[in-house]
Amino acid sequence: MSTLISAIVAAAGLFAAGVTAAGAQTQSPNSPGSKPPSRAQQLMGDIAPKMAELTDSVLFGDIWERPGLAKRDRSLITVAALIAKNHPEQLRSHIALARTNGVKEEEIVEAITQLAFYAGWPNAIVAIGIARDVFKPK
């Protein structure tokens, strides 16, 4: 189950890297008219095509695009949930996505500090290590 969740969150990493809400990347100049497969399609489309389709169309095409919350807020909520549920394998890509969506490093660290008292000290310590890695200049 963790691998499947990792695949969904890996798709979120592509969202942060410029994938459209429906999961399609900008067309490559080398292949006019063809859309490369989304990250979800790459990660699980061969074995779970419906799950990949739902990731692209429902999660990123609908839920992340709903007007009730800004993507910035959705990112902060998602980071908090991943810390609380102790899912470090998904946290890395969602911290990167949060930064893309306008959440400042200081705000992420502050959220982790707050969560230490509600989600557990060990979860927060793991999250700080992941945040440090994500924040490193590339």
N, C-alpha and C. Protein backbone atom coordinates (compact mmCIF):
# COMPACT_ATOMS: atom_id res chain seq x y z
N MET A 1 0.83 -1.19 0.00
CA MET A 1 0.00 0.00 0.00
C MET A 1 0.87 1.25 0.00
N SER A 2 1.97 1.21 0.76
CA SER A 2 2.86 2.36 0.82
C SER A 2 3.44 2.69 -0.55
N THR A 3 3.71 1.66 -1.37
CA THR A 3 4.24 1.89 -2.70
C THR A 3 3.23 2.62 -3.56
N LEU A 4 1.98 2.25 -3.44
CA LEU A 4 0.94 2.91 -4.21
C LEU A 4 0.79 4.37 -3.79
N ILE A 5 0.83 4.61 -2.50
CA ILE A 5 0.77 5.98 -2.02
C ILE A 5 1.99 6.75 -2.51
N SER A 6 3.15 6.12 -2.50
CA SER A 6 4.36 6.76 -3.01
C SER A 6 4.18 7.15 -4.47
N ALA A 7 3.53 6.29 -5.24
CA ALA A 7 3.31 6.59 -6.65
C ALA A 7 2.42 7.81 -6.82
N ILE A 8 1.40 7.90 -5.99
CA ILE A 8 0.50 9.05 -6.07
C ILE A 8 1.25 10.32 -5.72
N VAL A 9 2.04 10.25 -4.68
CA VAL A 9 2.76 11.45 -4.27
C VAL A 9 3.86 11.79 -5.25
N ALA A 10 4.46 10.79 -5.86
CA ALA A 10 5.46 11.08 -6.89
C ALA A 10 4.81 11.86 -8.02
N ALA A 11 3.56 11.54 -8.29
CA ALA A 11 2.83 12.32 -9.30
C ALA A 11 2.72 13.76 -8.87
N ALA A 12 2.61 13.99 -7.57
CA ALA A 12 2.56 15.36 -7.06
C ALA A 12 3.86 16.09 -7.35
N GLY A 13 4.96 15.37 -7.32
CA GLY A 13 6.24 15.98 -7.65
C GLY A 13 6.26 16.53 -9.05
N LEU A 14 5.63 15.83 -9.97
CA LEU A 14 5.54 16.34 -11.33
C LEU A 14 4.65 17.55 -11.40
N PHE A 15 3.60 17.55 -10.60
CA PHE A 15 2.72 18.70 -10.55
C PHE A 15 3.55 19.94 -10.19
N ALA A 16 4.45 19.78 -9.24
CA ALA A 16 5.31 20.89 -8.83
C ALA A 16 6.29 21.26 -9.93
N ALA A 17 6.61 20.31 -10.79
CA ALA A 17 7.60 20.56 -11.84
C ALA A 17 6.98 21.03 -13.14
N GLY A 18 5.70 21.37 -13.12
CA GLY A 18 5.09 21.95 -14.31
C GLY A 18 4.10 21.08 -15.04
N VAL A 19 3.62 20.05 -14.42
CA VAL A 19 2.60 19.22 -15.04
C VAL A 19 1.27 19.94 -14.87
N THR A 20 0.43 19.88 -15.88
CA THR A 20 -0.86 20.53 -15.79
C THR A 20 -1.76 19.79 -14.82
N ALA A 21 -2.87 20.41 -14.49
CA ALA A 21 -3.79 19.81 -13.52
C ALA A 21 -4.26 18.44 -13.95
N ALA A 22 -4.43 18.20 -15.22
CA ALA A 22 -4.90 16.91 -15.69
C ALA A 22 -3.78 15.90 -15.78
N GLY A 23 -2.55 16.31 -15.46
CA GLY A 23 -1.44 15.37 -15.44
C GLY A 23 -0.63 15.36 -16.71
N ALA A 24 -0.93 16.18 -17.67
CA ALA A 24 -0.20 16.17 -18.92
C ALA A 24 0.89 17.23 -18.89
N GLN A 25 2.06 16.86 -19.37
CA GLN A 25 3.14 17.81 -19.45
C GLN A 25 3.01 18.60 -20.75
N THR A 26 3.74 19.72 -20.78
CA THR A 26 3.77 20.49 -22.00
C THR A 26 4.36 19.62 -23.10
N GLN A 27 3.85 19.73 -24.30
CA GLN A 27 4.30 18.88 -25.39
C GLN A 27 5.77 19.09 -25.66
N SER A 28 6.45 18.01 -25.92
CA SER A 28 7.86 18.05 -26.26
C SER A 28 8.02 18.51 -27.70
N PRO A 29 9.04 19.34 -27.97
CA PRO A 29 9.24 19.79 -29.34
C PRO A 29 9.62 18.65 -30.27
N ASN A 30 10.09 17.53 -29.71
CA ASN A 30 10.50 16.39 -30.54
C ASN A 30 9.35 15.50 -30.96
N SER A 31 8.19 15.67 -30.35
CA SER A 31 7.05 14.81 -30.69
C SER A 31 5.79 15.65 -30.81
N PRO A 32 5.66 16.36 -31.93
CA PRO A 32 4.49 17.24 -32.08
C PRO A 32 3.20 16.45 -32.03
N GLY A 33 2.24 17.00 -31.26
CA GLY A 33 0.92 16.40 -31.19
C GLY A 33 0.77 15.26 -30.20
N SER A 34 1.86 14.77 -29.65
CA SER A 34 1.73 13.66 -28.70
C SER A 34 2.04 14.14 -27.29
N LYS A 35 1.27 13.62 -26.33
CA LYS A 35 1.48 13.97 -24.94
C LYS A 35 2.25 12.83 -24.28
N PRO A 36 3.34 13.14 -23.61
CA PRO A 36 4.03 12.08 -22.87
C PRO A 36 3.15 11.62 -21.71
N PRO A 37 3.34 10.40 -21.25
CA PRO A 37 2.52 9.92 -20.13
C PRO A 37 2.82 10.74 -18.87
N SER A 38 1.78 10.94 -18.06
CA SER A 38 1.95 11.63 -16.79
C SER A 38 2.83 10.79 -15.88
N ARG A 39 3.28 11.39 -14.78
CA ARG A 39 4.10 10.65 -13.82
C ARG A 39 3.29 9.49 -13.22
N ALA A 40 2.02 9.71 -12.98
CA ALA A 40 1.18 8.64 -12.46
C ALA A 40 1.10 7.50 -13.47
N GLN A 41 0.96 7.84 -14.75
CA GLN A 41 0.92 6.81 -15.79
C GLN A 41 2.25 6.05 -15.83
N GLN A 42 3.35 6.77 -15.68
CA GLN A 42 4.67 6.13 -15.70
C GLN A 42 4.85 5.19 -14.51
N LEU A 43 4.38 5.62 -13.34
CA LEU A 43 4.62 4.85 -12.13
C LEU A 43 3.69 3.66 -11.95
N MET A 44 2.45 3.78 -12.43
CA MET A 44 1.52 2.69 -12.15
C MET A 44 0.57 2.37 -13.29
N GLY A 45 0.66 3.09 -14.39
CA GLY A 45 -0.28 2.90 -15.48
C GLY A 45 -0.29 1.50 -16.07
N ASP A 46 0.85 0.82 -16.02
CA ASP A 46 0.92 -0.53 -16.59
C ASP A 46 0.17 -1.55 -15.74
N ILE A 47 0.15 -1.37 -14.44
CA ILE A 47 -0.48 -2.35 -13.56
C ILE A 47 -1.82 -1.85 -13.01
N ALA A 48 -1.96 -0.54 -12.85
CA ALA A 48 -3.18 0.03 -12.28
C ALA A 48 -3.60 1.24 -13.09
N PRO A 49 -4.02 1.02 -14.32
CA PRO A 49 -4.35 2.17 -15.18
C PRO A 49 -5.47 3.04 -14.62
N LYS A 50 -6.44 2.44 -13.94
CA LYS A 50 -7.53 3.24 -13.37
C LYS A 50 -7.01 4.13 -12.24
N MET A 51 -6.11 3.59 -11.42
CA MET A 51 -5.54 4.38 -10.33
C MET A 51 -4.75 5.55 -10.89
N ALA A 52 -4.00 5.33 -11.94
CA ALA A 52 -3.25 6.41 -12.58
C ALA A 52 -4.20 7.45 -13.16
N GLU A 53 -5.27 6.99 -13.79
CA GLU A 53 -6.27 7.90 -14.35
C GLU A 53 -6.92 8.74 -13.24
N LEU A 54 -7.28 8.10 -12.12
CA LEU A 54 -7.89 8.82 -11.00
C LEU A 54 -6.92 9.83 -10.40
N THR A 55 -5.65 9.47 -10.33
CA THR A 55 -4.64 10.39 -9.82
C THR A 55 -4.58 11.64 -10.69
N ASP A 56 -4.54 11.42 -12.00
CA ASP A 56 -4.45 12.55 -12.94
C ASP A 56 -5.73 13.37 -12.96
N SER A 57 -6.86 12.70 -13.11
CA SER A 57 -8.11 13.44 -13.35
C SER A 57 -8.80 13.90 -12.07
N VAL A 58 -8.83 13.06 -11.05
CA VAL A 58 -9.56 13.42 -9.83
C VAL A 58 -8.66 14.17 -8.85
N LEU A 59 -7.53 13.56 -8.47
CA LEU A 59 -6.69 14.19 -7.46
C LEU A 59 -6.13 15.52 -7.96
N PHE A 60 -5.44 15.50 -9.12
CA PHE A 60 -4.81 16.72 -9.60
C PHE A 60 -5.70 17.52 -10.54
N GLY A 61 -6.64 16.88 -11.20
CA GLY A 61 -7.51 17.60 -12.12
C GLY A 61 -8.73 18.20 -11.44
N ASP A 62 -9.12 17.67 -10.29
CA ASP A 62 -10.31 18.18 -9.60
C ASP A 62 -9.96 18.69 -8.20
N ILE A 63 -9.53 17.82 -7.32
CA ILE A 63 -9.33 18.19 -5.91
C ILE A 63 -8.34 19.35 -5.77
N TRP A 64 -7.18 19.25 -6.40
CA TRP A 64 -6.18 20.31 -6.27
C TRP A 64 -6.60 21.59 -6.98
N GLU A 65 -7.59 21.52 -7.84
CA GLU A 65 -8.04 22.70 -8.60
C GLU A 65 -9.30 23.34 -8.05
N ARG A 66 -9.88 22.77 -7.01
CA ARG A 66 -11.12 23.32 -6.46
C ARG A 66 -10.86 24.73 -5.92
N PRO A 67 -11.82 25.64 -6.07
CA PRO A 67 -11.60 27.03 -5.69
C PRO A 67 -11.70 27.31 -4.18
N GLY A 68 -12.15 26.36 -3.39
CA GLY A 68 -12.38 26.61 -1.97
C GLY A 68 -11.13 26.86 -1.15
N LEU A 69 -9.99 26.36 -1.60
CA LEU A 69 -8.72 26.59 -0.92
C LEU A 69 -7.66 26.91 -1.97
N ALA A 70 -6.75 27.76 -1.62
CA ALA A 70 -5.62 28.04 -2.50
C ALA A 70 -4.69 26.82 -2.51
N LYS A 71 -3.97 26.64 -3.59
CA LYS A 71 -3.00 25.53 -3.66
C LYS A 71 -1.98 25.63 -2.53
N ARG A 72 -1.64 26.84 -2.16
CA ARG A 72 -0.72 27.05 -1.05
C ARG A 72 -1.26 26.40 0.22
N ASP A 73 -2.54 26.64 0.51
CA ASP A 73 -3.17 26.07 1.70
C ASP A 73 -3.30 24.56 1.58
N ARG A 74 -3.65 24.08 0.41
CA ARG A 74 -3.75 22.63 0.19
C ARG A 74 -2.40 21.97 0.44
N SER A 75 -1.34 22.64 -0.01
CA SER A 75 0.00 22.09 0.21
C SER A 75 0.35 22.02 1.68
N LEU A 76 0.06 23.08 2.42
CA LEU A 76 0.37 23.09 3.84
C LEU A 76 -0.43 22.02 4.58
N ILE A 77 -1.68 21.85 4.22
CA ILE A 77 -2.52 20.81 4.83
C ILE A 77 -1.96 19.42 4.50
N THR A 78 -1.57 19.22 3.26
CA THR A 78 -1.03 17.92 2.85
C THR A 78 0.27 17.61 3.57
N VAL A 79 1.17 18.58 3.67
CA VAL A 79 2.42 18.39 4.40
C VAL A 79 2.11 18.01 5.85
N ALA A 80 1.19 18.72 6.47
CA ALA A 80 0.83 18.42 7.87
C ALA A 80 0.28 17.00 8.01
N ALA A 81 -0.58 16.61 7.08
CA ALA A 81 -1.16 15.26 7.15
C ALA A 81 -0.09 14.19 6.98
N LEU A 82 0.84 14.41 6.08
CA LEU A 82 1.90 13.43 5.86
C LEU A 82 2.83 13.32 7.06
N ILE A 83 3.07 14.44 7.72
CA ILE A 83 3.88 14.41 8.95
C ILE A 83 3.11 13.66 10.04
N ALA A 84 1.84 14.00 10.23
CA ALA A 84 1.04 13.38 11.28
C ALA A 84 0.90 11.88 11.09
N LYS A 85 0.79 11.45 9.84
CA LYS A 85 0.62 10.03 9.56
C LYS A 85 1.96 9.30 9.39
N ASN A 86 3.06 10.06 9.55
CA ASN A 86 4.41 9.51 9.43
C ASN A 86 4.64 8.83 8.08
N HIS A 87 4.49 9.62 7.02
CA HIS A 87 4.73 9.16 5.65
C HIS A 87 5.88 9.93 5.03
N PRO A 88 7.11 9.69 5.52
CA PRO A 88 8.24 10.47 5.03
C PRO A 88 8.53 10.27 3.55
N GLU A 89 8.18 9.12 3.01
CA GLU A 89 8.47 8.87 1.59
C GLU A 89 7.66 9.79 0.68
N GLN A 90 6.51 10.24 1.11
CA GLN A 90 5.72 11.18 0.32
C GLN A 90 6.00 12.63 0.70
N LEU A 91 6.53 12.84 1.89
CA LEU A 91 6.72 14.18 2.40
C LEU A 91 7.69 15.00 1.55
N ARG A 92 8.74 14.38 1.07
CA ARG A 92 9.76 15.09 0.28
C ARG A 92 9.12 15.82 -0.91
N SER A 93 8.35 15.10 -1.71
CA SER A 93 7.78 15.73 -2.90
C SER A 93 6.72 16.77 -2.53
N HIS A 94 6.03 16.57 -1.42
CA HIS A 94 5.01 17.54 -1.03
C HIS A 94 5.60 18.80 -0.39
N ILE A 95 6.74 18.68 0.25
CA ILE A 95 7.42 19.89 0.72
C ILE A 95 7.90 20.70 -0.48
N ALA A 96 8.44 20.01 -1.48
CA ALA A 96 8.86 20.72 -2.70
C ALA A 96 7.66 21.37 -3.39
N LEU A 97 6.55 20.66 -3.46
CA LEU A 97 5.34 21.22 -4.06
C LEU A 97 4.84 22.43 -3.26
N ALA A 98 4.90 22.33 -1.93
CA ALA A 98 4.47 23.44 -1.08
C ALA A 98 5.29 24.69 -1.38
N ARG A 99 6.57 24.52 -1.54
CA ARG A 99 7.42 25.68 -1.86
C ARG A 99 7.03 26.26 -3.21
N THR A 100 6.77 25.39 -4.19
CA THR A 100 6.32 25.86 -5.51
C THR A 100 5.00 26.61 -5.38
N ASN A 101 4.16 26.17 -4.46
CA ASN A 101 2.85 26.79 -4.27
C ASN A 101 2.88 27.99 -3.32
N GLY A 102 4.07 28.46 -2.96
CA GLY A 102 4.20 29.70 -2.21
C GLY A 102 4.37 29.58 -0.71
N VAL A 103 4.51 28.38 -0.18
CA VAL A 103 4.76 28.22 1.25
C VAL A 103 6.25 28.45 1.49
N LYS A 104 6.57 29.36 2.40
CA LYS A 104 7.97 29.69 2.68
C LYS A 104 8.61 28.62 3.55
N GLU A 105 9.93 28.49 3.43
CA GLU A 105 10.67 27.53 4.25
C GLU A 105 10.37 27.73 5.74
N GLU A 106 10.37 28.99 6.17
CA GLU A 106 10.12 29.30 7.58
C GLU A 106 8.74 28.81 8.02
N GLU A 107 7.77 28.90 7.13
CA GLU A 107 6.41 28.45 7.45
C GLU A 107 6.35 26.93 7.56
N ILE A 108 7.08 26.25 6.71
CA ILE A 108 7.12 24.78 6.77
C ILE A 108 7.76 24.35 8.08
N VAL A 109 8.87 24.98 8.45
CA VAL A 109 9.54 24.65 9.72
C VAL A 109 8.62 24.96 10.90
N GLU A 110 7.93 26.07 10.83
CA GLU A 110 7.00 26.43 11.92
C GLU A 110 5.86 25.42 12.03
N ALA A 111 5.36 24.97 10.89
CA ALA A 111 4.30 23.95 10.89
C ALA A 111 4.82 22.64 11.51
N ILE A 112 6.04 22.27 11.17
CA ILE A 112 6.64 21.05 11.73
C ILE A 112 6.78 21.20 13.24
N THR A 113 7.23 22.36 13.69
CA THR A 113 7.38 22.59 15.13
C THR A 113 6.04 22.48 15.84
N GLN A 114 5.01 23.06 15.28
CA GLN A 114 3.66 22.96 15.84
C GLN A 114 3.20 21.51 15.91
N LEU A 115 3.47 20.78 14.83
CA LEU A 115 3.03 19.39 14.75
C LEU A 115 3.76 18.48 15.74
N ALA A 116 4.95 18.87 16.15
CA ALA A 116 5.69 18.05 17.12
C ALA A 116 4.85 17.78 18.36
N PHE A 117 4.03 18.74 18.73
CA PHE A 117 3.23 18.62 19.95
C PHE A 117 1.88 17.93 19.72
N TYR A 118 1.49 17.79 18.47
CA TYR A 118 0.21 17.17 18.16
C TYR A 118 0.36 15.84 17.43
N ALA A 119 1.42 15.70 16.66
CA ALA A 119 1.61 14.49 15.85
C ALA A 119 2.77 13.63 16.33
N GLY A 120 3.52 14.13 17.29
CA GLY A 120 4.61 13.35 17.86
C GLY A 120 5.98 13.91 17.52
N TRP A 121 6.82 13.90 18.52
CA TRP A 121 8.17 14.42 18.38
C TRP A 121 8.97 13.65 17.32
N PRO A 122 8.93 12.32 17.32
CA PRO A 122 9.69 11.60 16.30
C PRO A 122 9.26 11.95 14.86
N ASN A 123 7.96 12.11 14.65
CA ASN A 123 7.49 12.49 13.31
C ASN A 123 8.06 13.84 12.90
N ALA A 124 8.10 14.78 13.85
CA ALA A 124 8.63 16.11 13.56
C ALA A 124 10.13 16.07 13.28
N ILE A 125 10.85 15.26 14.02
CA ILE A 125 12.30 15.15 13.81
C ILE A 125 12.58 14.60 12.41
N VAL A 126 11.84 13.58 12.00
CA VAL A 126 12.00 13.04 10.64
C VAL A 126 11.66 14.11 9.61
N ALA A 127 10.59 14.84 9.84
CA ALA A 127 10.16 15.88 8.90
C ALA A 127 11.20 16.99 8.77
N ILE A 128 11.84 17.37 9.87
CA ILE A 128 12.88 18.40 9.83
C ILE A 128 14.04 17.94 8.96
N GLY A 129 14.43 16.68 9.11
CA GLY A 129 15.52 16.15 8.27
C GLY A 129 15.17 16.18 6.79
N ILE A 130 13.94 15.83 6.47
CA ILE A 130 13.49 15.85 5.08
C ILE A 130 13.44 17.29 4.57
N ALA A 131 12.91 18.19 5.38
CA ALA A 131 12.85 19.60 4.97
C ALA A 131 14.26 20.14 4.72
N ARG A 132 15.20 19.81 5.57
CA ARG A 132 16.59 20.26 5.37
C ARG A 132 17.10 19.83 4.01
N ASP A 133 16.83 18.57 3.65
CA ASP A 133 17.29 18.07 2.34
C ASP A 133 16.60 18.79 1.19
N VAL A 134 15.31 19.02 1.32
CA VAL A 134 14.55 19.69 0.25
C VAL A 134 15.01 21.14 0.09
N PHE A 135 15.33 21.79 1.19
CA PHE A 135 15.71 23.20 1.16
C PHE A 135 17.12 23.42 0.63
N LYS A 136 17.96 22.38 0.61
CA LYS A 136 19.34 22.54 0.11
C LYS A 136 19.32 23.06 -1.32
N PRO A 137 20.17 24.03 -1.60
CA PRO A 137 20.25 24.51 -3.00
C PRO A 137 20.70 23.39 -3.91
N LYS A 138 20.14 23.37 -5.08
CA LYS A 138 20.47 22.31 -6.05
C LYS A 138 21.65 22.74 -6.88
